[in-house]
Amino acid sequence: MGKITGFMEFERLAEAYEPPQERVRHWREFVARLPDEQAGVQGARCMDCGTPFCMSGCPVNNIIPDWNDLVYRQDWKRAIDTLHSTNNFPEFTGRVCPAPCEAACTLNINADPVGIKSIEHAIADKAAENGWITPRPIDRKTGKRVAVVGSGPAGLAAAQQLARAGHDVVVFEKADRIGGLLRYGIPDFKMEKHLIDRRVEQMEAEGVEFRVNQHVGVNVDPKALAADFDAVVLSGGAEFPRDLPVPGRELAGVHFAMDFLPQQNKVVAGDRVPEQILATDKHVIVIGGGDTGSDCVGTSNRHGAASVTQFELLPQPPEQENKPLVWPYWPAKLRSSSSHEEGCHRDWAVATKRFEGRDGKVEKLIAARVAWQKDANGQLVMREVPGSEFEMKADLVLLAMGFLGPVHTGLLEQLPVGRDPRGNVAADTENYRTSLPKVFAAGDMRRGHSLIVWAIREGRQCARAVDEFLMGCSELPR
């Protein structure tokens, strides 16, 4: 372990943030990684527990105590090698993962957890600065061809692992650039896109072929794809948004979050977006309290919105979780993002009843307070609080209420794989096979809308399953 008494001697150190009034003026990342010495101090706080719950809390099972110790000892090269052994893209997760590992940290029982995410961020950036993120091409080729549909984190992880097993891998992406929602969904101020480009260059050097503007099910025949390749991995994500079917939904100015956010990604990339949805000088209401809603808040602030309000249907969670009750699991507690710090009014237990406007444009939102009570079966039921109806000015409404699963039109209509009761592609986590021969599924398309780190895990495990299917055995890690 690092320093035996480190967890008693050192406090948790947070990464430095650029002040809100400055960072809202640009679209760059504003979180500075910990300096080497401070990262080492954080590594010293790791207790190297007999049972490292942080590792079980991490979906990719990062070997956290090991690289904490290596950073404490300033052995950065071995730290990135250890990190890469379980995670293909630590620079992604070190920026945008919510860090379930920290919730599971043993130190979190009665103190502040080890800053695991900030250490991961530091390792990944240190590795890039020193040129340690290099291609790992393989000379031994299997002669097998694998198609990967979708270039989000699941698809990228699966493609890289399969290429390193010696297969010829082709990634099909419907957008004009690689990355899926990493590219067109996560704002640049949370993760700059040169990070994706660097990994794409690495993977191309390892033999992965990327084809953009290839929308399988639209301009690419999925059945022909299945016929032409020895295996197909479906990793197209869960992009079907939850709608809000209330009166006035059709008014101009009411948009899905994923109609709003990708446009700004394109603008930052240098594209021209005709009739871009802008929050400039508008009273913005974001419906939905998750990460996507937070991204809408931060983007609206950078547009120069007149005001930003965020509604959540559920009650406000407690500011502090009951640690003895919930540890080491992910707790329900109040979380405020950096976007909230930049300016946002938040309100909970609010249900939208309708939108109203003139000349086809939204002007106000009518909502009501709701109370959550248990019914006779013990299930929570939502009821409107009598006399609680109110209205708010609304020039732009962004629906960020999550996703219902993968889009069924196109690919999943033409390639009739079995689906689970929620509409996701049915496949288990042992072999990731769908109901069709040689067709596999991983990531959000299989499990539903989830975290980047879960997508990476599933991509890696699916790659091993595909390798076993093609070769009879596999040396790829699960």
Protein backbone atom coordinates (compact mmCIF):
# COMPACT_ATOMS: atom_id res chain seq x y z
CA MET A 1 0.00 0.00 0.00
CA GLY A 2 0.99 3.66 -0.10
CA LYS A 3 1.65 5.13 3.32
CA ILE A 4 0.34 2.97 6.14
CA THR A 5 -0.99 5.94 8.09
CA GLY A 6 -1.77 8.08 5.06
CA PHE A 7 -5.55 7.84 5.42
CA MET A 8 -5.22 9.35 8.91
CA GLU A 9 -2.71 12.06 8.00
CA PHE A 10 -3.96 13.47 4.70
CA GLU A 11 -7.22 15.09 3.66
CA ARG A 12 -8.99 14.49 0.38
CA LEU A 13 -7.86 17.00 -2.24
CA ALA A 14 -10.22 18.13 -4.96
CA GLU A 15 -9.15 19.01 -8.48
CA ALA A 16 -8.94 22.71 -9.24
CA TYR A 17 -11.81 24.24 -11.20
CA GLU A 18 -11.72 27.42 -13.24
CA PRO A 19 -14.10 29.97 -11.63
CA PRO A 20 -17.69 29.80 -12.97
CA GLN A 21 -17.71 33.38 -14.24
CA GLU A 22 -14.69 32.60 -16.43
CA ARG A 23 -15.44 29.09 -17.66
CA VAL A 24 -18.93 29.96 -18.96
CA ARG A 25 -17.20 32.13 -21.58
CA HIS A 26 -15.69 29.18 -23.43
CA TRP A 27 -16.24 25.51 -24.31
CA ARG A 28 -12.92 24.07 -23.14
CA GLU A 29 -12.41 21.73 -20.21
CA PHE A 30 -11.97 23.67 -16.98
CA VAL A 31 -10.92 20.94 -14.51
CA ALA A 32 -7.17 20.77 -13.93
CA ARG A 33 -5.68 17.41 -13.07
CA LEU A 34 -3.94 17.06 -9.74
CA PRO A 35 -0.22 17.89 -9.81
CA ASP A 36 2.01 14.85 -9.43
CA GLU A 37 2.76 15.45 -5.75
CA GLN A 38 -0.88 16.00 -4.80
CA ALA A 39 -1.93 12.90 -6.73
CA GLY A 40 0.69 11.00 -4.76
CA VAL A 41 -0.78 12.28 -1.51
CA GLN A 42 -4.19 11.06 -2.59
CA GLY A 43 -2.68 7.69 -3.44
CA ALA A 44 -1.18 7.59 0.06
CA ARG A 45 -4.70 7.74 1.55
CA CYS A 46 -5.56 4.31 0.07
CA MET A 47 -5.75 1.72 2.85
CA ASP A 48 -5.17 -1.31 0.58
CA CYS A 49 -8.15 -3.00 2.23
CA GLY A 50 -8.24 -6.76 2.64
CA THR A 51 -11.43 -6.66 0.57
CA PRO A 52 -11.08 -3.70 -1.83
CA PHE A 53 -14.73 -2.73 -2.25
CA CYS A 54 -13.65 0.04 -4.64
CA MET A 55 -12.78 -2.65 -7.19
CA SER A 56 -16.19 -4.31 -6.91
CA GLY A 57 -17.85 -0.90 -7.05
CA CYS A 58 -16.06 -0.19 -10.34
CA PRO A 59 -17.84 -1.83 -13.31
CA VAL A 60 -14.53 -2.52 -15.12
CA ASN A 61 -12.98 -3.77 -11.84
CA ASN A 62 -10.04 -1.39 -12.01
CA ILE A 63 -7.15 -2.58 -9.82
CA ILE A 64 -7.42 0.61 -7.81
CA PRO A 65 -5.23 -0.14 -4.77
CA ASP A 66 -2.33 -1.08 -7.06
CA TRP A 67 -2.30 2.09 -9.11
CA ASN A 68 -2.95 4.21 -6.02
CA ASP A 69 0.24 2.76 -4.56
CA LEU A 70 2.16 3.29 -7.81
CA VAL A 71 1.11 6.94 -7.98
CA TYR A 72 2.12 7.39 -4.34
CA ARG A 73 5.54 6.07 -5.36
CA GLN A 74 5.47 8.26 -8.52
CA ASP A 75 5.79 5.20 -10.77
CA TRP A 76 3.50 6.62 -13.42
CA LYS A 77 4.43 4.26 -16.26
CA ARG A 78 3.46 1.17 -14.29
CA ALA A 79 0.35 2.99 -13.09
CA ILE A 80 -0.94 3.54 -16.65
CA ASP A 81 -0.06 -0.05 -17.58
CA THR A 82 -2.07 -1.29 -14.60
CA LEU A 83 -4.95 1.02 -15.45
CA HIS A 84 -4.95 -0.03 -19.11
CA SER A 85 -5.13 -3.67 -18.09
CA THR A 86 -8.79 -3.18 -17.15
CA ASN A 87 -9.85 0.04 -18.88
CA ASN A 88 -9.20 0.91 -22.52
CA PHE A 89 -10.08 4.58 -22.10
CA PRO A 90 -9.22 5.95 -18.64
CA GLU A 91 -9.10 9.51 -19.97
CA PHE A 92 -12.85 9.21 -20.66
CA THR A 93 -13.83 7.73 -17.31
CA GLY A 94 -11.41 9.97 -15.41
CA ARG A 95 -13.46 12.90 -16.66
CA VAL A 96 -17.11 11.86 -16.91
CA CYS A 97 -17.59 8.76 -14.75
CA PRO A 98 -19.63 9.46 -11.57
CA ALA A 99 -17.12 7.30 -9.66
CA PRO A 100 -19.12 4.48 -8.04
CA CYS A 101 -15.70 3.26 -6.87
CA GLU A 102 -15.50 6.21 -4.48
CA ALA A 103 -18.93 5.46 -3.04
CA ALA A 104 -17.65 1.93 -2.33
CA CYS A 105 -14.32 3.09 -0.83
CA THR A 106 -13.93 1.72 2.73
CA LEU A 107 -12.70 5.12 3.87
CA ASN A 108 -16.08 6.50 2.82
CA ILE A 109 -17.74 4.76 5.78
CA ASN A 110 -16.71 7.48 8.20
CA ALA A 111 -14.57 9.96 6.24
CA ASP A 112 -14.03 11.37 2.75
CA PRO A 113 -13.21 8.63 0.25
CA VAL A 114 -9.95 8.43 -1.65
CA GLY A 115 -10.05 10.70 -4.72
CA ILE A 116 -9.92 7.71 -7.07
CA LYS A 117 -11.38 9.51 -10.07
CA SER A 118 -8.90 12.39 -9.79
CA ILE A 119 -6.01 9.91 -9.59
CA GLU A 120 -7.28 8.11 -12.70
CA HIS A 121 -7.54 11.46 -14.48
CA ALA A 122 -3.96 12.28 -13.47
CA ILE A 123 -2.60 8.91 -14.62
CA ALA A 124 -4.27 9.14 -18.03
CA ASP A 125 -3.10 12.69 -18.68
CA LYS A 126 0.42 11.96 -17.42
CA ALA A 127 0.58 9.00 -19.81
CA ALA A 128 -0.50 11.19 -22.74
CA GLU A 129 2.03 13.87 -21.87
CA ASN A 130 4.82 11.28 -21.86
CA GLY A 131 3.77 9.50 -25.06
CA TRP A 132 2.81 6.27 -23.32
CA ILE A 133 -0.53 5.85 -25.10
CA THR A 134 0.81 4.06 -28.16
CA PRO A 135 -0.57 1.49 -30.64
CA ARG A 136 -0.24 -2.18 -29.84
CA PRO A 137 -0.50 -3.79 -33.29
CA ILE A 138 -0.42 -7.56 -33.56
CA ASP A 139 1.45 -9.47 -36.26
CA ARG A 140 -0.58 -12.66 -35.97
CA LYS A 141 -3.83 -12.30 -37.88
CA THR A 142 -6.72 -14.76 -37.58
CA GLY A 143 -8.32 -14.05 -40.94
CA LYS A 144 -11.68 -13.46 -39.21
CA ARG A 145 -13.68 -10.30 -39.88
CA VAL A 146 -15.87 -8.60 -37.27
CA ALA A 147 -18.32 -5.73 -37.82
CA VAL A 148 -18.98 -3.41 -34.89
CA VAL A 149 -22.12 -1.28 -35.22
CA GLY A 150 -21.76 1.93 -33.24
CA SER A 151 -18.64 3.76 -32.08
CA GLY A 152 -19.58 4.74 -28.54
CA PRO A 153 -17.53 3.44 -25.62
CA ALA A 154 -18.89 -0.11 -25.90
CA GLY A 155 -18.16 -0.32 -29.62
CA LEU A 156 -14.73 1.24 -29.28
CA ALA A 157 -13.74 -1.07 -26.41
CA ALA A 158 -14.98 -4.16 -28.28
CA ALA A 159 -13.22 -3.09 -31.48
CA GLN A 160 -9.89 -2.45 -29.79
CA GLN A 161 -9.92 -5.73 -27.90
CA LEU A 162 -10.88 -7.72 -31.00
CA ALA A 163 -8.16 -6.04 -33.07
CA ARG A 164 -5.64 -6.94 -30.38
CA ALA A 165 -6.80 -10.55 -30.67
CA GLY A 166 -5.81 -10.49 -34.33
CA HIS A 167 -9.20 -10.04 -36.00
CA ASP A 168 -9.95 -7.59 -38.81
CA VAL A 169 -12.43 -5.15 -37.32
CA VAL A 170 -14.63 -2.62 -39.13
CA VAL A 171 -16.58 -0.07 -37.08
CA PHE A 172 -19.74 1.37 -38.67
CA GLU A 173 -20.85 4.79 -37.36
CA LYS A 174 -23.97 6.62 -38.54
CA ALA A 175 -22.60 10.09 -37.69
CA ASP A 176 -19.89 12.00 -39.55
CA ARG A 177 -17.36 11.50 -36.75
CA ILE A 178 -16.42 8.62 -34.48
CA GLY A 179 -17.42 8.55 -30.81
CA GLY A 180 -21.18 8.10 -30.49
CA LEU A 181 -22.55 10.08 -27.55
CA LEU A 182 -18.99 10.69 -26.38
CA ARG A 183 -18.72 12.88 -29.47
CA TYR A 184 -22.25 14.16 -29.89
CA GLY A 185 -23.83 14.30 -26.46
CA ILE A 186 -21.22 15.04 -23.81
CA PRO A 187 -20.37 18.77 -23.92
CA ASP A 188 -16.82 19.74 -24.82
CA PHE A 189 -16.43 21.54 -21.50
CA LYS A 190 -16.70 18.13 -19.80
CA MET A 191 -14.59 16.19 -22.29
CA GLU A 192 -12.71 17.66 -25.24
CA LYS A 193 -12.95 15.61 -28.41
CA HIS A 194 -9.25 15.46 -29.21
CA LEU A 195 -9.22 12.67 -26.61
CA ILE A 196 -11.44 10.57 -28.89
CA ASP A 197 -9.36 11.47 -31.94
CA ARG A 198 -6.20 10.28 -30.19
CA ARG A 199 -7.76 6.90 -29.44
CA VAL A 200 -9.08 6.59 -33.00
CA GLU A 201 -5.56 7.16 -34.33
CA GLN A 202 -4.24 4.53 -31.94
CA MET A 203 -6.88 2.02 -32.99
CA GLU A 204 -6.35 2.68 -36.70
CA ALA A 205 -2.66 1.92 -36.18
CA GLU A 206 -3.76 -1.32 -34.52
CA GLY A 207 -5.74 -2.27 -37.62
CA VAL A 208 -9.29 -1.09 -36.85
CA GLU A 209 -11.12 0.37 -39.86
CA PHE A 210 -13.63 3.14 -39.19
CA ARG A 211 -16.47 3.95 -41.60
CA VAL A 212 -18.50 7.08 -40.86
CA ASN A 213 -21.85 8.13 -42.34
CA GLN A 214 -22.70 4.43 -42.37
CA HIS A 215 -26.13 4.12 -40.77
CA VAL A 216 -26.82 0.41 -40.50
CA GLY A 217 -30.49 -0.11 -41.23
CA VAL A 218 -30.68 3.04 -43.36
CA ASN A 219 -27.87 3.16 -45.94
CA VAL A 220 -26.22 -0.12 -44.90
CA ASP A 221 -28.13 -3.41 -45.10
CA PRO A 222 -27.80 -5.19 -41.71
CA LYS A 223 -28.53 -8.61 -43.24
CA ALA A 224 -25.76 -8.12 -45.79
CA LEU A 225 -23.48 -7.09 -42.94
CA ALA A 226 -24.27 -10.30 -41.09
CA ALA A 227 -23.58 -12.28 -44.25
CA ASP A 228 -20.28 -10.56 -45.07
CA PHE A 229 -18.67 -10.77 -41.62
CA ASP A 230 -17.81 -13.70 -39.37
CA ALA A 231 -19.38 -11.91 -36.40
CA VAL A 232 -21.36 -8.72 -35.76
CA VAL A 233 -21.40 -6.70 -32.54
CA LEU A 234 -24.41 -4.46 -32.00
CA SER A 235 -23.33 -1.54 -29.81
CA GLY A 236 -25.52 1.26 -31.11
CA GLY A 237 -26.57 2.62 -27.73
CA ALA A 238 -29.98 3.45 -26.26
CA GLU A 239 -31.04 6.63 -28.01
CA PHE A 240 -34.83 6.50 -27.89
CA PRO A 241 -35.74 9.45 -25.63
CA ARG A 242 -38.52 9.53 -23.08
CA ASP A 243 -41.15 12.00 -24.29
CA LEU A 244 -43.59 14.18 -22.34
CA PRO A 245 -47.04 13.76 -23.93
CA VAL A 246 -48.82 16.80 -22.48
CA PRO A 247 -50.86 19.51 -24.22
CA GLY A 248 -48.64 21.95 -26.07
CA ARG A 249 -45.81 19.47 -26.62
CA GLU A 250 -45.91 20.32 -30.36
CA LEU A 251 -45.07 24.00 -29.81
CA ALA A 252 -41.85 25.34 -31.27
CA GLY A 253 -39.22 25.71 -28.59
CA VAL A 254 -39.89 22.34 -26.90
CA HIS A 255 -37.03 19.99 -27.77
CA PHE A 256 -35.39 16.78 -26.70
CA ALA A 257 -32.05 17.35 -25.00
CA MET A 258 -30.35 15.27 -27.67
CA ASP A 259 -31.63 17.61 -30.37
CA PHE A 260 -29.98 20.47 -28.48
CA LEU A 261 -26.64 19.15 -27.20
CA PRO A 262 -25.17 17.58 -30.37
CA GLN A 263 -25.64 20.82 -32.29
CA GLN A 264 -23.28 22.62 -29.94
CA ASN A 265 -20.75 19.78 -30.25
CA LYS A 266 -20.82 20.29 -34.00
CA VAL A 267 -20.37 24.05 -33.68
CA VAL A 268 -17.38 23.61 -31.37
CA ALA A 269 -15.93 21.18 -33.93
CA GLY A 270 -16.11 23.93 -36.54
CA ASP A 271 -19.29 22.90 -38.35
CA ARG A 272 -22.01 25.29 -39.42
CA VAL A 273 -25.40 24.34 -37.99
CA PRO A 274 -28.27 26.14 -39.73
CA GLU A 275 -31.05 27.22 -37.37
CA GLN A 276 -29.17 26.02 -34.32
CA ILE A 277 -31.24 25.73 -31.14
CA LEU A 278 -29.85 28.47 -28.91
CA ALA A 279 -30.62 29.46 -25.33
CA THR A 280 -29.29 32.99 -25.75
CA ASP A 281 -31.42 35.54 -23.85
CA LYS A 282 -34.11 32.92 -23.29
CA HIS A 283 -35.82 31.65 -20.16
CA VAL A 284 -34.83 27.98 -20.27
CA ILE A 285 -36.54 25.14 -18.44
CA VAL A 286 -34.81 21.77 -18.29
CA ILE A 287 -37.08 18.87 -17.38
CA GLY A 288 -35.08 16.02 -15.90
CA GLY A 289 -32.55 16.02 -13.08
CA GLY A 290 -29.85 13.66 -14.37
CA ASP A 291 -26.53 14.16 -16.14
CA THR A 292 -28.15 15.00 -19.46
CA GLY A 293 -30.20 17.71 -17.79
CA SER A 294 -27.06 19.06 -16.13
CA ASP A 295 -25.36 19.18 -19.53
CA CYS A 296 -28.30 21.22 -20.86
CA VAL A 297 -27.86 23.64 -17.95
CA GLY A 298 -24.15 24.13 -18.62
CA THR A 299 -24.71 24.58 -22.35
CA SER A 300 -27.53 27.07 -21.79
CA ASN A 301 -25.34 29.08 -19.42
CA ARG A 302 -22.64 29.28 -22.08
CA HIS A 303 -25.18 30.41 -24.64
CA GLY A 304 -26.06 33.29 -22.33
CA ALA A 305 -29.55 32.26 -21.19
CA ALA A 306 -31.65 34.83 -19.36
CA SER A 307 -32.46 32.20 -16.72
CA VAL A 308 -32.16 28.44 -16.32
CA THR A 309 -34.54 26.32 -14.24
CA GLN A 310 -34.32 22.57 -13.80
CA PHE A 311 -37.30 20.44 -12.72
CA GLU A 312 -37.19 16.93 -11.32
CA LEU A 313 -40.27 14.77 -10.86
CA LEU A 314 -38.91 12.95 -7.81
CA PRO A 315 -38.54 14.49 -4.34
CA GLN A 316 -35.32 16.24 -3.38
CA PRO A 317 -32.86 13.61 -2.09
CA PRO A 318 -31.07 14.04 1.24
CA GLU A 319 -27.88 16.09 1.27
CA GLN A 320 -26.07 13.27 3.08
CA GLU A 321 -26.74 9.57 2.65
CA ASN A 322 -27.15 7.13 5.53
CA LYS A 323 -23.73 5.52 5.07
CA PRO A 324 -24.18 2.57 7.47
CA LEU A 325 -27.33 1.68 5.54
CA VAL A 326 -26.22 2.05 1.92
CA TRP A 327 -22.44 1.60 1.83
CA PRO A 328 -20.81 0.25 -0.38
CA TYR A 329 -23.62 0.79 -2.87
CA TRP A 330 -24.33 3.90 -4.92
CA PRO A 331 -26.31 6.20 -2.60
CA ALA A 332 -29.30 8.38 -3.35
CA LYS A 333 -28.24 11.84 -2.23
CA LEU A 334 -28.28 15.42 -3.48
CA ARG A 335 -25.61 15.99 -6.11
CA SER A 336 -24.76 19.35 -7.60
CA SER A 337 -22.74 19.44 -10.79
CA SER A 338 -20.34 22.11 -11.98
CA SER A 339 -23.10 23.30 -14.33
CA HIS A 340 -25.41 23.97 -11.39
CA GLU A 341 -22.68 26.07 -9.79
CA GLU A 342 -22.64 28.26 -12.90
CA GLY A 343 -26.24 29.32 -12.39
CA CYS A 344 -29.45 27.33 -12.14
CA HIS A 345 -32.65 27.25 -10.09
CA ARG A 346 -33.51 23.67 -9.17
CA ASP A 347 -36.88 22.39 -8.04
CA TRP A 348 -38.07 18.91 -7.10
CA ALA A 349 -41.37 17.00 -7.02
CA VAL A 350 -42.70 19.05 -9.93
CA ALA A 351 -44.89 17.61 -12.71
CA THR A 352 -45.41 19.46 -15.98
CA LYS A 353 -49.08 19.62 -16.94
CA ARG A 354 -48.97 21.54 -20.23
CA PHE A 355 -47.19 24.11 -22.37
CA GLU A 356 -48.84 27.27 -23.63
CA GLY A 357 -47.82 29.79 -26.25
CA ARG A 358 -48.78 32.02 -29.16
CA ASP A 359 -48.20 31.78 -32.90
CA GLY A 360 -47.02 28.21 -32.47
CA LYS A 361 -44.19 29.08 -30.05
CA VAL A 362 -43.94 28.10 -26.41
CA GLU A 363 -44.21 30.96 -23.92
CA LYS A 364 -44.93 29.34 -20.59
CA LEU A 365 -45.02 26.07 -18.73
CA ILE A 366 -47.85 25.06 -16.38
CA ALA A 367 -46.78 22.71 -13.59
CA ALA A 368 -47.93 21.42 -10.23
CA ARG A 369 -46.38 20.08 -7.06
CA VAL A 370 -46.65 16.36 -6.49
CA ALA A 371 -46.43 14.16 -3.41
CA TRP A 372 -45.13 10.61 -3.41
CA GLN A 373 -47.02 8.23 -1.13
CA LYS A 374 -47.14 4.47 -0.71
CA ASP A 375 -50.29 2.68 -1.80
CA ALA A 376 -51.82 -0.41 -0.23
CA ASN A 377 -49.20 -2.59 -1.94
CA GLY A 378 -46.32 -0.52 -0.64
CA GLN A 379 -45.59 1.01 -4.04
CA LEU A 380 -44.82 4.71 -4.33
CA VAL A 381 -47.59 6.56 -6.13
CA MET A 382 -47.48 10.14 -7.35
CA ARG A 383 -50.39 12.43 -6.55
CA GLU A 384 -50.83 16.08 -7.43
CA VAL A 385 -50.94 18.42 -4.44
CA PRO A 386 -54.30 20.26 -4.57
CA GLY A 387 -54.01 23.98 -5.29
CA SER A 388 -50.31 23.76 -6.13
CA GLU A 389 -50.51 24.58 -9.84
CA PHE A 390 -48.16 27.35 -11.02
CA GLU A 391 -46.77 28.73 -14.26
CA MET A 392 -43.33 29.81 -15.42
CA LYS A 393 -42.10 31.79 -18.37
CA ALA A 394 -40.48 29.46 -20.89
CA ASP A 395 -38.88 30.40 -24.20
CA LEU A 396 -37.00 27.12 -24.50
CA VAL A 397 -37.90 23.77 -22.90
CA LEU A 398 -35.42 20.89 -22.98
CA LEU A 399 -36.65 17.36 -22.26
CA ALA A 400 -33.91 15.40 -20.48
CA MET A 401 -35.88 12.61 -18.85
CA GLY A 402 -33.72 9.70 -19.88
CA PHE A 403 -33.96 7.08 -22.59
CA LEU A 404 -36.34 4.16 -23.04
CA GLY A 405 -33.90 1.92 -24.91
CA PRO A 406 -32.48 1.46 -28.41
CA VAL A 407 -34.23 2.86 -31.47
CA HIS A 408 -36.22 0.01 -33.01
CA THR A 409 -36.75 1.41 -36.50
CA GLY A 410 -34.14 0.56 -39.10
CA LEU A 411 -31.52 -1.83 -37.75
CA LEU A 412 -33.61 -3.72 -35.22
CA GLU A 413 -36.56 -3.99 -37.60
CA GLN A 414 -34.45 -5.40 -40.41
CA LEU A 415 -32.29 -7.62 -38.21
CA PRO A 416 -34.94 -9.30 -36.05
CA VAL A 417 -32.95 -10.10 -32.93
CA GLY A 418 -34.84 -11.02 -29.80
CA ARG A 419 -35.63 -8.30 -27.28
CA ASP A 420 -36.08 -8.28 -23.55
CA PRO A 421 -39.26 -6.97 -21.85
CA ARG A 422 -37.84 -3.42 -21.85
CA GLY A 423 -37.18 -3.46 -25.59
CA ASN A 424 -33.40 -3.85 -25.36
CA VAL A 425 -31.56 -6.40 -27.47
CA ALA A 426 -31.71 -9.66 -25.51
CA ALA A 427 -28.31 -11.17 -24.68
CA ASP A 428 -26.80 -12.43 -21.44
CA THR A 429 -23.51 -11.35 -19.89
CA GLU A 430 -21.87 -14.77 -20.23
CA ASN A 431 -21.62 -14.91 -24.03
CA TYR A 432 -23.39 -11.70 -25.18
CA ARG A 433 -25.01 -13.63 -28.03
CA THR A 434 -28.35 -12.51 -29.42
CA SER A 435 -31.03 -14.82 -30.80
CA LEU A 436 -29.36 -14.69 -34.23
CA PRO A 437 -26.27 -16.73 -35.08
CA LYS A 438 -22.96 -14.81 -34.91
CA VAL A 439 -24.70 -11.58 -33.82
CA PHE A 440 -23.70 -10.17 -30.42
CA ALA A 441 -24.84 -7.14 -28.41
CA ALA A 442 -23.13 -4.98 -25.79
CA GLY A 443 -23.46 -1.68 -23.98
CA ASP A 444 -26.60 0.40 -23.73
CA MET A 445 -28.22 -1.41 -26.65
CA ARG A 446 -28.20 -4.54 -24.48
CA ARG A 447 -28.50 -3.22 -20.90
CA GLY A 448 -30.38 0.04 -21.46
CA HIS A 449 -29.21 3.58 -20.82
CA SER A 450 -26.28 3.45 -18.42
CA LEU A 451 -22.77 4.73 -17.65
CA ILE A 452 -19.74 4.97 -19.91
CA VAL A 453 -17.83 2.69 -17.58
CA TRP A 454 -20.51 0.00 -17.90
CA ALA A 455 -20.33 0.32 -21.69
CA ILE A 456 -16.55 -0.19 -21.62
CA ARG A 457 -16.98 -3.25 -19.40
CA GLU A 458 -19.57 -4.78 -21.72
CA GLY A 459 -17.51 -4.00 -24.83
CA ARG A 460 -14.50 -5.76 -23.34
CA GLN A 461 -16.47 -8.78 -22.18
CA CYS A 462 -18.33 -9.02 -25.47
CA ALA A 463 -15.02 -8.95 -27.35
CA ARG A 464 -13.85 -11.96 -25.37
CA ALA A 465 -17.11 -13.76 -26.13
CA VAL A 466 -16.74 -13.04 -29.85
CA ASP A 467 -13.12 -14.20 -29.79
CA GLU A 468 -14.14 -17.46 -28.10
CA PHE A 469 -16.91 -17.93 -30.69
CA LEU A 470 -14.51 -17.40 -33.59
CA MET A 471 -11.46 -19.24 -32.25
CA GLY A 472 -12.78 -21.73 -29.68
CA CYS A 473 -10.86 -20.05 -26.87
CA SER A 474 -9.64 -16.58 -25.94
CA GLU A 475 -6.76 -14.95 -24.12
CA LEU A 476 -8.61 -11.63 -23.84
CA PRO A 477 -9.43 -10.61 -20.26
CA ARG A 478 -13.03 -10.34 -19.08
